[in-house]
Amino acid sequence: MAFSSRASAKHRARRVRRRLKSVGAARPRLSVFRSAKNIYAQVIDDAKGVTIAAASSLESGVDKGANKDGAAKVGTLVAQRALDKGAKDVVFDRGGYIYHGRIKALADAAREAGLNF
C-alpha cells in the first residue's frame, strides 16, 4: 500500500528522530520545519521538554524563508540565540526533509555562527 506524500513525510521524520535520540540523547535538538513560504527552526531540550531558542522567517529583519538567503539568516539567528542560552552542541533534526537547498543553507549558517553538530 502506498503512502500519501504527507504520511511519507511523517514516516521519514519519525525515522530521523528515532536515530537522533539514540545518538545524541544528552544534546538538544535543532529542529527545522519548512513550509512553502517560510522556514522555522528551534532548539529543543527533549529531556526537559522545553524550547531553548527559536527563530523563523516571519520575524522582522529576516528575508522571506522561501529562498536560501532567508534560510541562512534564520540559521544564524537561531544559533546566536542558542549560544546565548548556553547550548553549543546540538543534533540536527532535518524533520524528514532532504538535506539540500534551504535546509542545507540553514544548517551551514548555524555551523558558521558557532553551533556544533
PDB file of N, CA and C in Angstrom:
ATOM      1  N   MET A   1       0.842  -1.178   0.000  1.00  0.00           N
ATOM      2  CA  MET A   1       0.000   0.000   0.000  1.00  0.00           C
ATOM      3  C   MET A   1       0.887   1.240   0.000  1.00  0.00           C
ATOM      4  N   ALA A   2       0.609   2.163  -0.858  1.00  0.00           N
ATOM      5  CA  ALA A   2       1.412   3.370  -0.987  1.00  0.00           C
ATOM      6  C   ALA A   2       0.951   4.429   0.013  1.00  0.00           C
ATOM      7  N   PHE A   3       1.924   5.122   0.588  1.00  0.00           N
ATOM      8  CA  PHE A   3       1.621   6.217   1.500  1.00  0.00           C
ATOM      9  C   PHE A   3       1.336   7.481   0.713  1.00  0.00           C
ATOM     10  N   SER A   4       0.542   8.366   1.282  1.00  0.00           N
ATOM     11  CA  SER A   4       0.403   9.691   0.696  1.00  0.00           C
ATOM     12  C   SER A   4       1.698  10.458   0.961  1.00  0.00           C
ATOM     13  N   SER A   5       1.884  11.574   0.304  1.00  0.00           N
ATOM     14  CA  SER A   5       3.128  12.325   0.485  1.00  0.00           C
ATOM     15  C   SER A   5       3.247  12.838   1.918  1.00  0.00           C
ATOM     16  N   ARG A   6       2.139  13.228   2.533  1.00  0.00           N
ATOM     17  CA  ARG A   6       2.173  13.709   3.918  1.00  0.00           C
ATOM     18  C   ARG A   6       2.506  12.572   4.883  1.00  0.00           C
ATOM     19  N   ALA A   7       1.930  11.402   4.652  1.00  0.00           N
ATOM     20  CA  ALA A   7       2.217  10.255   5.506  1.00  0.00           C
ATOM     21  C   ALA A   7       3.671   9.819   5.348  1.00  0.00           C
ATOM     22  N   SER A   8       4.194   9.887   4.140  1.00  0.00           N
ATOM     23  CA  SER A   8       5.599   9.548   3.916  1.00  0.00           C
ATOM     24  C   SER A   8       6.514  10.520   4.643  1.00  0.00           C
ATOM     25  N   ALA A   9       6.171  11.801   4.634  1.00  0.00           N
ATOM     26  CA  ALA A   9       6.974  12.805   5.329  1.00  0.00           C
ATOM     27  C   ALA A   9       6.975  12.549   6.837  1.00  0.00           C
ATOM     28  N   LYS A  10       5.814  12.206   7.393  1.00  0.00           N
ATOM     29  CA  LYS A  10       5.738  11.900   8.818  1.00  0.00           C
ATOM     30  C   LYS A  10       6.568  10.667   9.155  1.00  0.00           C
ATOM     31  N   HIS A  11       6.531   9.679   8.292  1.00  0.00           N
ATOM     32  CA  HIS A  11       7.308   8.462   8.496  1.00  0.00           C
ATOM     33  C   HIS A  11       8.804   8.766   8.487  1.00  0.00           C
ATOM     34  N   ARG A  12       9.255   9.581   7.547  1.00  0.00           N
ATOM     35  CA  ARG A  12      10.667   9.962   7.476  1.00  0.00           C
ATOM     36  C   ARG A  12      11.076  10.752   8.711  1.00  0.00           C
ATOM     37  N   ALA A  13      10.221  11.672   9.155  1.00  0.00           N
ATOM     38  CA  ALA A  13      10.527  12.488  10.331  1.00  0.00           C
ATOM     39  C   ALA A  13      10.664  11.612  11.575  1.00  0.00           C
ATOM     40  N   ARG A  14       9.769  10.634  11.742  1.00  0.00           N
ATOM     41  CA  ARG A  14       9.859   9.725  12.886  1.00  0.00           C
ATOM     42  C   ARG A  14      11.138   8.901  12.834  1.00  0.00           C
ATOM     43  N   ARG A  15      11.516   8.464  11.646  1.00  0.00           N
ATOM     44  CA  ARG A  15      12.729   7.672  11.487  1.00  0.00           C
ATOM     45  C   ARG A  15      13.971   8.496  11.854  1.00  0.00           C
ATOM     46  N   VAL A  16      14.005   9.747  11.395  1.00  0.00           N
ATOM     47  CA  VAL A  16      15.136  10.621  11.696  1.00  0.00           C
ATOM     48  C   VAL A  16      15.221  10.874  13.194  1.00  0.00           C
ATOM     49  N   ARG A  17      14.100  11.171  13.847  1.00  0.00           N
ATOM     50  CA  ARG A  17      14.107  11.458  15.285  1.00  0.00           C
ATOM     51  C   ARG A  17      14.485  10.238  16.112  1.00  0.00           C
ATOM     52  N   ARG A  18      14.079   9.063  15.664  1.00  0.00           N
ATOM     53  CA  ARG A  18      14.441   7.837  16.374  1.00  0.00           C
ATOM     54  C   ARG A  18      15.956   7.649  16.356  1.00  0.00           C
ATOM     55  N   ARG A  19      16.586   7.916  15.231  1.00  0.00           N
ATOM     56  CA  ARG A  19      18.038   7.791  15.137  1.00  0.00           C
ATOM     57  C   ARG A  19      18.739   8.863  15.964  1.00  0.00           C
ATOM     58  N   LEU A  20      18.197  10.065  15.984  1.00  0.00           N
ATOM     59  CA  LEU A  20      18.806  11.148  16.745  1.00  0.00           C
ATOM     60  C   LEU A  20      18.760  10.876  18.239  1.00  0.00           C
ATOM     61  N   LYS A  21      17.679  10.314  18.721  1.00  0.00           N
ATOM     62  CA  LYS A  21      17.559  10.043  20.152  1.00  0.00           C
ATOM     63  C   LYS A  21      18.563   8.998  20.605  1.00  0.00           C
ATOM     64  N   SER A  22      18.904   8.054  19.730  1.00  0.00           N
ATOM     65  CA  SER A  22      19.878   7.047  20.120  1.00  0.00           C
ATOM     66  C   SER A  22      21.299   7.607  20.094  1.00  0.00           C
ATOM     67  N   VAL A  23      21.563   8.567  19.224  1.00  0.00           N
ATOM     68  CA  VAL A  23      22.910   9.120  19.076  1.00  0.00           C
ATOM     69  C   VAL A  23      23.179  10.241  20.066  1.00  0.00           C
ATOM     70  N   GLY A  24      22.295  11.206  20.131  1.00  0.00           N
ATOM     71  CA  GLY A  24      22.567  12.392  20.938  1.00  0.00           C
ATOM     72  C   GLY A  24      21.531  12.664  21.995  1.00  0.00           C
ATOM     73  N   ALA A  25      21.312  11.704  22.878  1.00  0.00           N
ATOM     74  CA  ALA A  25      20.267  11.856  23.883  1.00  0.00           C
ATOM     75  C   ALA A  25      20.564  12.990  24.857  1.00  0.00           C
ATOM     76  N   ALA A  26      21.837  13.294  25.078  1.00  0.00           N
ATOM     77  CA  ALA A  26      22.190  14.320  26.056  1.00  0.00           C
ATOM     78  C   ALA A  26      22.211  15.721  25.451  1.00  0.00           C
ATOM     79  N   ARG A  27      22.211  15.818  24.121  1.00  0.00           N
ATOM     80  CA  ARG A  27      22.311  17.127  23.484  1.00  0.00           C
ATOM     81  C   ARG A  27      20.943  17.621  23.025  1.00  0.00           C
ATOM     82  N   PRO A  28      20.745  18.949  23.004  1.00  0.00           N
ATOM     83  CA  PRO A  28      19.494  19.487  22.473  1.00  0.00           C
ATOM     84  C   PRO A  28      19.389  19.237  20.973  1.00  0.00           C
ATOM     85  N   ARG A  29      18.186  19.367  20.448  1.00  0.00           N
ATOM     86  CA  ARG A  29      17.911  19.064  19.048  1.00  0.00           C
ATOM     87  C   ARG A  29      17.559  20.351  18.310  1.00  0.00           C
ATOM     88  N   LEU A  30      18.242  20.599  17.176  1.00  0.00           N
ATOM     89  CA  LEU A  30      17.919  21.726  16.302  1.00  0.00           C
ATOM     90  C   LEU A  30      16.929  21.216  15.271  1.00  0.00           C
ATOM     91  N   SER A  31      15.657  21.534  15.473  1.00  0.00           N
ATOM     92  CA  SER A  31      14.583  21.037  14.624  1.00  0.00           C
ATOM     93  C   SER A  31      14.195  22.087  13.591  1.00  0.00           C
ATOM     94  N   VAL A  32      13.952  21.645  12.361  1.00  0.00           N
ATOM     95  CA  VAL A  32      13.635  22.546  11.255  1.00  0.00           C
ATOM     96  C   VAL A  32      12.279  22.175  10.671  1.00  0.00           C
ATOM     97  N   PHE A  33      11.457  23.179  10.406  1.00  0.00           N
ATOM     98  CA  PHE A  33      10.206  22.994   9.678  1.00  0.00           C
ATOM     99  C   PHE A  33      10.217  23.929   8.487  1.00  0.00           C
ATOM    100  N   ARG A  34       9.907  23.389   7.335  1.00  0.00           N
ATOM    101  CA  ARG A  34       9.930  24.163   6.096  1.00  0.00           C
ATOM    102  C   ARG A  34       8.534  24.155   5.487  1.00  0.00           C
ATOM    103  N   SER A  35       8.001  25.334   5.242  1.00  0.00           N
ATOM    104  CA  SER A  35       6.738  25.423   4.518  1.00  0.00           C
ATOM    105  C   SER A  35       7.033  26.015   3.135  1.00  0.00           C
ATOM    106  N   ALA A  36       6.029  26.243   2.368  1.00  0.00           N
ATOM    107  CA  ALA A  36       6.240  26.761   1.013  1.00  0.00           C
ATOM    108  C   ALA A  36       6.778  28.191   1.033  1.00  0.00           C
ATOM    109  N   LYS A  37       6.391  28.973   2.043  1.00  0.00           N
ATOM    110  CA  LYS A  37       6.768  30.386   2.058  1.00  0.00           C
ATOM    111  C   LYS A  37       7.738  30.754   3.172  1.00  0.00           C
ATOM    112  N   ASN A  38       7.845  29.948   4.216  1.00  0.00           N
ATOM    113  CA  ASN A  38       8.662  30.310   5.374  1.00  0.00           C
ATOM    114  C   ASN A  38       9.451  29.112   5.866  1.00  0.00           C
ATOM    115  N   ILE A  39      10.372  29.383   6.775  1.00  0.00           N
ATOM    116  CA  ILE A  39      11.159  28.334   7.402  1.00  0.00           C
ATOM    117  C   ILE A  39      11.282  28.662   8.886  1.00  0.00           C
ATOM    118  N   TYR A  40      11.213  27.639   9.708  1.00  0.00           N
ATOM    119  CA  TYR A  40      11.221  27.793  11.150  1.00  0.00           C
ATOM    120  C   TYR A  40      12.294  26.864  11.728  1.00  0.00           C
ATOM    121  N   ALA A  41      12.964  27.311  12.784  1.00  0.00           N
ATOM    122  CA  ALA A  41      13.964  26.476  13.448  1.00  0.00           C
ATOM    123  C   ALA A  41      13.859  26.703  14.946  1.00  0.00           C
ATOM    124  N   GLN A  42      14.040  25.631  15.707  1.00  0.00           N
ATOM    125  CA  GLN A  42      14.052  25.756  17.155  1.00  0.00           C
ATOM    126  C   GLN A  42      14.992  24.728  17.758  1.00  0.00           C
ATOM    127  N   VAL A  43      15.624  25.120  18.849  1.00  0.00           N
ATOM    128  CA  VAL A  43      16.500  24.234  19.600  1.00  0.00           C
ATOM    129  C   VAL A  43      15.695  23.740  20.793  1.00  0.00           C
ATOM    130  N   ILE A  44      15.529  22.416  20.884  1.00  0.00           N
ATOM    131  CA  ILE A  44      14.636  21.808  21.864  1.00  0.00           C
ATOM    132  C   ILE A  44      15.437  20.903  22.788  1.00  0.00           C
ATOM    133  N   ASP A  45      15.206  21.043  24.095  1.00  0.00           N
ATOM    134  CA  ASP A  45      15.765  20.116  25.074  1.00  0.00           C
ATOM    135  C   ASP A  45      14.701  19.060  25.343  1.00  0.00           C
ATOM    136  N   ASP A  46      14.878  17.879  24.760  1.00  0.00           N
ATOM    137  CA  ASP A  46      13.867  16.829  24.873  1.00  0.00           C
ATOM    138  C   ASP A  46      13.782  16.246  26.274  1.00  0.00           C
ATOM    139  N   ALA A  47      14.875  16.290  27.039  1.00  0.00           N
ATOM    140  CA  ALA A  47      14.844  15.750  28.398  1.00  0.00           C
ATOM    141  C   ALA A  47      13.908  16.564  29.287  1.00  0.00           C
ATOM    142  N   LYS A  48      13.950  17.894  29.143  1.00  0.00           N
ATOM    143  CA  LYS A  48      13.086  18.765  29.941  1.00  0.00           C
ATOM    144  C   LYS A  48      11.786  19.103  29.234  1.00  0.00           C
ATOM    145  N   GLY A  49      11.753  18.920  27.914  1.00  0.00           N
ATOM    146  CA  GLY A  49      10.554  19.233  27.148  1.00  0.00           C
ATOM    147  C   GLY A  49      10.341  20.717  26.947  1.00  0.00           C
ATOM    148  N   VAL A  50      11.439  21.480  26.812  1.00  0.00           N
ATOM    149  CA  VAL A  50      11.328  22.930  26.630  1.00  0.00           C
ATOM    150  C   VAL A  50      12.087  23.368  25.384  1.00  0.00           C
ATOM    151  N   THR A  51      11.645  24.472  24.822  1.00  0.00           N
ATOM    152  CA  THR A  51      12.334  25.088  23.695  1.00  0.00           C
ATOM    153  C   THR A  51      13.352  26.077  24.239  1.00  0.00           C
ATOM    154  N   ILE A  52      14.605  25.904  23.859  1.00  0.00           N
ATOM    155  CA  ILE A  52      15.685  26.765  24.329  1.00  0.00           C
ATOM    156  C   ILE A  52      15.744  28.040  23.501  1.00  0.00           C
ATOM    157  N   ALA A  53      15.686  27.902  22.183  1.00  0.00           N
ATOM    158  CA  ALA A  53      15.767  29.055  21.284  1.00  0.00           C
ATOM    159  C   ALA A  53      14.952  28.759  20.033  1.00  0.00           C
ATOM    160  N   ALA A  54      14.431  29.817  19.418  1.00  0.00           N
ATOM    161  CA  ALA A  54      13.639  29.646  18.204  1.00  0.00           C
ATOM    162  C   ALA A  54      13.824  30.856  17.299  1.00  0.00           C
ATOM    163  N   ALA A  55      13.655  30.637  16.005  1.00  0.00           N
ATOM    164  CA  ALA A  55      13.709  31.721  15.021  1.00  0.00           C
ATOM    165  C   ALA A  55      12.911  31.288  13.806  1.00  0.00           C
ATOM    166  N   SER A  56      12.392  32.274  13.081  1.00  0.00           N
ATOM    167  CA  SER A  56      11.665  31.965  11.855  1.00  0.00           C
ATOM    168  C   SER A  56      11.804  33.120  10.878  1.00  0.00           C
ATOM    169  N   SER A  57      11.412  32.859   9.652  1.00  0.00           N
ATOM    170  CA  SER A  57      11.481  33.896   8.626  1.00  0.00           C
ATOM    171  C   SER A  57      10.329  34.880   8.738  1.00  0.00           C
ATOM    172  N   LEU A  58       9.431  34.679   9.680  1.00  0.00           N
ATOM    173  CA  LEU A  58       8.334  35.613   9.893  1.00  0.00           C
ATOM    174  C   LEU A  58       8.751  36.826  10.720  1.00  0.00           C
ATOM    175  N   GLU A  59       9.917  36.744  11.365  1.00  0.00           N
ATOM    176  CA  GLU A  59      10.381  37.833  12.219  1.00  0.00           C
ATOM    177  C   GLU A  59      10.811  39.025  11.371  1.00  0.00           C
ATOM    178  N   SER A  60      10.717  40.199  11.958  1.00  0.00           N
ATOM    179  CA  SER A  60      11.138  41.395  11.229  1.00  0.00           C
ATOM    180  C   SER A  60      12.652  41.402  11.094  1.00  0.00           C
ATOM    181  N   GLY A  61      13.128  41.892   9.970  1.00  0.00           N
ATOM    182  CA  GLY A  61      14.554  41.941   9.713  1.00  0.00           C
ATOM    183  C   GLY A  61      15.094  40.695   9.050  1.00  0.00           C
ATOM    184  N   VAL A  62      14.246  39.707   8.821  1.00  0.00           N
ATOM    185  CA  VAL A  62      14.658  38.466   8.161  1.00  0.00           C
ATOM    186  C   VAL A  62      13.924  38.378   6.835  1.00  0.00           C
ATOM    187  N   ASP A  63      14.666  37.981   5.790  1.00  0.00           N
ATOM    188  CA  ASP A  63      14.040  37.817   4.472  1.00  0.00           C
ATOM    189  C   ASP A  63      13.031  36.682   4.513  1.00  0.00           C
ATOM    190  N   LYS A  64      12.215  36.632   3.491  1.00  0.00           N
ATOM    191  CA  LYS A  64      11.301  35.519   3.362  1.00  0.00           C
ATOM    192  C   LYS A  64      12.081  34.222   3.379  1.00  0.00           C
ATOM    193  N   GLY A  65      11.510  33.187   3.941  1.00  0.00           N
ATOM    194  CA  GLY A  65      12.201  31.914   4.050  1.00  0.00           C
ATOM    195  C   GLY A  65      12.051  31.031   2.836  1.00  0.00           C
ATOM    196  N   ALA A  66      11.477  31.564   1.768  1.00  0.00           N
ATOM    197  CA  ALA A  66      11.278  30.763   0.569  1.00  0.00           C
ATOM    198  C   ALA A  66      12.520  30.711  -0.296  1.00  0.00           C
ATOM    199  N   ASN A  67      13.636  31.272   0.201  1.00  0.00           N
ATOM    200  CA  ASN A  67      14.884  31.179  -0.544  1.00  0.00           C
ATOM    201  C   ASN A  67      16.032  30.859   0.403  1.00  0.00           C
ATOM    202  N   LYS A  68      17.191  30.558  -0.161  1.00  0.00           N
ATOM    203  CA  LYS A  68      18.333  30.139   0.654  1.00  0.00           C
ATOM    204  C   LYS A  68      18.855  31.272   1.532  1.00  0.00           C
ATOM    205  N   ASP A  69      18.786  32.506   1.056  1.00  0.00           N
ATOM    206  CA  ASP A  69      19.274  33.631   1.857  1.00  0.00           C
ATOM    207  C   ASP A  69      18.460  33.799   3.137  1.00  0.00           C
ATOM    208  N   GLY A  70      17.152  33.692   3.014  1.00  0.00           N
ATOM    209  CA  GLY A  70      16.299  33.785   4.199  1.00  0.00           C
ATOM    210  C   GLY A  70      16.545  32.652   5.169  1.00  0.00           C
ATOM    211  N   ALA A  71      16.745  31.448   4.637  1.00  0.00           N
ATOM    212  CA  ALA A  71      17.013  30.296   5.491  1.00  0.00           C
ATOM    213  C   ALA A  71      18.344  30.458   6.219  1.00  0.00           C
ATOM    214  N   ALA A  72      19.336  31.025   5.529  1.00  0.00           N
ATOM    215  CA  ALA A  72      20.643  31.241   6.157  1.00  0.00           C
ATOM    216  C   ALA A  72      20.532  32.253   7.296  1.00  0.00           C
ATOM    217  N   LYS A  73      19.736  33.292   7.116  1.00  0.00           N
ATOM    218  CA  LYS A  73      19.556  34.277   8.185  1.00  0.00           C
ATOM    219  C   LYS A  73      18.859  33.668   9.391  1.00  0.00           C
ATOM    220  N   VAL A  74      17.896  32.791   9.150  1.00  0.00           N
ATOM    221  CA  VAL A  74      17.212  32.110  10.248  1.00  0.00           C
ATOM    222  C   VAL A  74      18.193  31.199  10.981  1.00  0.00           C
ATOM    223  N   GLY A  75      19.059  30.507  10.244  1.00  0.00           N
ATOM    224  CA  GLY A  75      20.065  29.648  10.863  1.00  0.00           C
ATOM    225  C   GLY A  75      21.026  30.427  11.739  1.00  0.00           C
ATOM    226  N   THR A  76      21.467  31.586  11.258  1.00  0.00           N
ATOM    227  CA  THR A  76      22.362  32.429  12.050  1.00  0.00           C
ATOM    228  C   THR A  76      21.666  32.933  13.307  1.00  0.00           C
ATOM    229  N   LEU A  77      20.423  33.346  13.153  1.00  0.00           N
ATOM    230  CA  LEU A  77      19.662  33.894  14.279  1.00  0.00           C
ATOM    231  C   LEU A  77      19.405  32.840  15.354  1.00  0.00           C
ATOM    232  N   VAL A  78      19.007  31.643  14.961  1.00  0.00           N
ATOM    233  CA  VAL A  78      18.734  30.605  15.960  1.00  0.00           C
ATOM    234  C   VAL A  78      20.033  30.159  16.633  1.00  0.00           C
ATOM    235  N   ALA A  79      21.138  30.171  15.904  1.00  0.00           N
ATOM    236  CA  ALA A  79      22.424  29.803  16.504  1.00  0.00           C
ATOM    237  C   ALA A  79      22.855  30.832  17.539  1.00  0.00           C
ATOM    238  N   GLN A  80      22.692  32.103  17.232  1.00  0.00           N
ATOM    239  CA  GLN A  80      23.059  33.152  18.184  1.00  0.00           C
ATOM    240  C   GLN A  80      22.222  33.051  19.450  1.00  0.00           C
ATOM    241  N   ARG A  81      20.938  32.802  19.305  1.00  0.00           N
ATOM    242  CA  ARG A  81      20.056  32.690  20.465  1.00  0.00           C
ATOM    243  C   ARG A  81      20.371  31.448  21.295  1.00  0.00           C
ATOM    244  N   ALA A  82      20.718  30.350  20.627  1.00  0.00           N
ATOM    245  CA  ALA A  82      21.066  29.134  21.358  1.00  0.00           C
ATOM    246  C   ALA A  82      22.382  29.310  22.112  1.00  0.00           C
ATOM    247  N   LEU A  83      23.346  29.972  21.497  1.00  0.00           N
ATOM    248  CA  LEU A  83      24.628  30.210  22.156  1.00  0.00           C
ATOM    249  C   LEU A  83      24.457  31.124  23.368  1.00  0.00           C
ATOM    250  N   ASP A  84      23.551  32.102  23.264  1.00  0.00           N
ATOM    251  CA  ASP A  84      23.276  32.980  24.403  1.00  0.00           C
ATOM    252  C   ASP A  84      22.704  32.192  25.586  1.00  0.00           C
ATOM    253  N   LYS A  85      21.952  31.133  25.300  1.00  0.00           N
ATOM    254  CA  LYS A  85      21.359  30.302  26.356  1.00  0.00           C
ATOM    255  C   LYS A  85      22.298  29.183  26.812  1.00  0.00           C
ATOM    256  N   GLY A  86      23.462  29.049  26.151  1.00  0.00           N
ATOM    257  CA  GLY A  86      24.445  28.053  26.584  1.00  0.00           C
ATOM    258  C   GLY A  86      24.375  26.725  25.872  1.00  0.00           C
ATOM    259  N   ALA A  87      23.644  26.647  24.780  1.00  0.00           N
ATOM    260  CA  ALA A  87      23.553  25.397  24.015  1.00  0.00           C
ATOM    261  C   ALA A  87      24.481  25.495  22.810  1.00  0.00           C
ATOM    262  N   LYS A  88      25.682  24.925  22.936  1.00  0.00           N
ATOM    263  CA  LYS A  88      26.656  24.986  21.845  1.00  0.00           C
ATOM    264  C   LYS A  88      26.640  23.720  20.998  1.00  0.00           C
ATOM    265  N   ASP A  89      26.488  22.562  21.636  1.00  0.00           N
ATOM    266  CA  ASP A  89      26.470  21.279  20.938  1.00  0.00           C
ATOM    267  C   ASP A  89      25.032  20.810  20.783  1.00  0.00           C
ATOM    268  N   VAL A  90      24.603  20.586  19.549  1.00  0.00           N
ATOM    269  CA  VAL A  90      23.238  20.145  19.258  1.00  0.00           C
ATOM    270  C   VAL A  90      23.289  18.996  18.252  1.00  0.00           C
ATOM    271  N   VAL A  91      22.162  18.344  18.068  1.00  0.00           N
ATOM    272  CA  VAL A  91      21.998  17.397  16.964  1.00  0.00           C
ATOM    273  C   VAL A  91      21.016  18.018  15.988  1.00  0.00           C
ATOM    274  N   PHE A  92      21.225  17.808  14.695  1.00  0.00           N
ATOM    275  CA  PHE A  92      20.413  18.439  13.658  1.00  0.00           C
ATOM    276  C   PHE A  92      19.280  17.517  13.256  1.00  0.00           C
ATOM    277  N   ASP A  93      18.054  17.979  13.444  1.00  0.00           N
ATOM    278  CA  ASP A  93      16.853  17.234  13.074  1.00  0.00           C
ATOM    279  C   ASP A  93      16.286  17.885  11.819  1.00  0.00           C
ATOM    280  N   ARG A  94      16.510  17.245  10.687  1.00  0.00           N
ATOM    281  CA  ARG A  94      16.042  17.814   9.427  1.00  0.00           C
ATOM    282  C   ARG A  94      14.553  17.578   9.210  1.00  0.00           C
ATOM    283  N   GLY A  95      13.922  16.839  10.092  1.00  0.00           N
ATOM    284  CA  GLY A  95      12.474  16.679  10.063  1.00  0.00           C
ATOM    285  C   GLY A  95      11.940  15.908   8.878  1.00  0.00           C
ATOM    286  N   GLY A  96      12.743  15.035   8.292  1.00  0.00           N
ATOM    287  CA  GLY A  96      12.282  14.265   7.148  1.00  0.00           C
ATOM    288  C   GLY A  96      12.522  14.944   5.823  1.00  0.00           C
ATOM    289  N   TYR A  97      12.995  16.181   5.841  1.00  0.00           N
ATOM    290  CA  TYR A  97      13.290  16.881   4.597  1.00  0.00           C
ATOM    291  C   TYR A  97      14.649  16.443   4.074  1.00  0.00           C
ATOM    292  N   ILE A  98      14.838  16.507   2.775  1.00  0.00           N
ATOM    293  CA  ILE A  98      16.122  16.175   2.170  1.00  0.00           C
ATOM    294  C   ILE A  98      17.127  17.254   2.561  1.00  0.00           C
ATOM    295  N   TYR A  99      18.348  16.838   2.894  1.00  0.00           N
ATOM    296  CA  TYR A  99      19.401  17.784   3.283  1.00  0.00           C
ATOM    297  C   TYR A  99      19.933  18.439   2.009  1.00  0.00           C
ATOM    298  N   HIS A 100      19.213  19.464   1.566  1.00  0.00           N
ATOM    299  CA  HIS A 100      19.526  20.127   0.307  1.00  0.00           C
ATOM    300  C   HIS A 100      18.793  21.459   0.291  1.00  0.00           C
ATOM    301  N   GLY A 101      19.325  22.423  -0.404  1.00  0.00           N
ATOM    302  CA  GLY A 101      18.635  23.693  -0.590  1.00  0.00           C
ATOM    303  C   GLY A 101      18.535  24.496   0.684  1.00  0.00           C
ATOM    304  N   ARG A 102      17.301  24.858   1.062  1.00  0.00           N
ATOM    305  CA  ARG A 102      17.079  25.712   2.232  1.00  0.00           C
ATOM    306  C   ARG A 102      17.492  25.042   3.530  1.00  0.00           C
ATOM    307  N   ILE A 103      17.290  23.733   3.637  1.00  0.00           N
ATOM    308  CA  ILE A 103      17.673  23.016   4.852  1.00  0.00           C
ATOM    309  C   ILE A 103      19.188  23.049   5.015  1.00  0.00           C
ATOM    310  N   LYS A 104      19.907  22.810   3.941  1.00  0.00           N
ATOM    311  CA  LYS A 104      21.370  22.828   3.982  1.00  0.00           C
ATOM    312  C   LYS A 104      21.886  24.239   4.262  1.00  0.00           C
ATOM    313  N   ALA A 105      21.245  25.248   3.682  1.00  0.00           N
ATOM    314  CA  ALA A 105      21.662  26.634   3.904  1.00  0.00           C
ATOM    315  C   ALA A 105      21.489  27.017   5.371  1.00  0.00           C
ATOM    316  N   LEU A 106      20.378  26.612   5.973  1.00  0.00           N
ATOM    317  CA  LEU A 106      20.153  26.893   7.389  1.00  0.00           C
ATOM    318  C   LEU A 106      21.194  26.190   8.256  1.00  0.00           C
ATOM    319  N   ALA A 107      21.477  24.927   7.959  1.00  0.00           N
ATOM    320  CA  ALA A 107      22.453  24.175   8.747  1.00  0.00           C
ATOM    321  C   ALA A 107      23.851  24.772   8.619  1.00  0.00           C
ATOM    322  N   ASP A 108      24.255  25.133   7.417  1.00  0.00           N
ATOM    323  CA  ASP A 108      25.594  25.718   7.209  1.00  0.00           C
ATOM    324  C   ASP A 108      25.732  27.045   7.936  1.00  0.00           C
ATOM    325  N   ALA A 109      24.687  27.868   7.899  1.00  0.00           N
ATOM    326  CA  ALA A 109      24.735  29.169   8.590  1.00  0.00           C
ATOM    327  C   ALA A 109      24.801  28.976  10.099  1.00  0.00           C
ATOM    328  N   ALA A 110      24.087  27.989  10.626  1.00  0.00           N
ATOM    329  CA  ALA A 110      24.129  27.720  12.064  1.00  0.00           C
ATOM    330  C   ALA A 110      25.515  27.243  12.480  1.00  0.00           C
ATOM    331  N   ARG A 111      26.144  26.433  11.647  1.00  0.00           N
ATOM    332  CA  ARG A 111      27.521  25.979  11.939  1.00  0.00           C
ATOM    333  C   ARG A 111      28.485  27.156  11.938  1.00  0.00           C
ATOM    334  N   GLU A 112      28.374  28.024  10.946  1.00  0.00           N
ATOM    335  CA  GLU A 112      29.264  29.181  10.853  1.00  0.00           C
ATOM    336  C   GLU A 112      29.071  30.127  12.034  1.00  0.00           C
ATOM    337  N   ALA A 113      27.855  30.172  12.566  1.00  0.00           N
ATOM    338  CA  ALA A 113      27.574  31.055  13.699  1.00  0.00           C
ATOM    339  C   ALA A 113      28.057  30.472  15.026  1.00  0.00           C
ATOM    340  N   GLY A 114      28.486  29.197  15.028  1.00  0.00           N
ATOM    341  CA  GLY A 114      29.080  28.659  16.244  1.00  0.00           C
ATOM    342  C   GLY A 114      28.473  27.398  16.810  1.00  0.00           C
ATOM    343  N   LEU A 115      27.380  26.891  16.237  1.00  0.00           N
ATOM    344  CA  LEU A 115      26.808  25.644  16.743  1.00  0.00           C
ATOM    345  C   LEU A 115      27.620  24.448  16.247  1.00  0.00           C
ATOM    346  N   ASN A 116      27.750  23.432  17.076  1.00  0.00           N
ATOM    347  CA  ASN A 116      28.447  22.202  16.701  1.00  0.00           C
ATOM    348  C   ASN A 116      27.457  21.081  16.511  1.00  0.00           C
ATOM    349  N   PHE A 117      27.430  20.526  15.302  1.00  0.00           N
ATOM    350  CA  PHE A 117      26.657  19.308  15.024  1.00  0.00           C
ATOM    351  C   PHE A 117      27.206  18.625  13.800  1.00  0.00           C
TER     352      PHE A 117
END
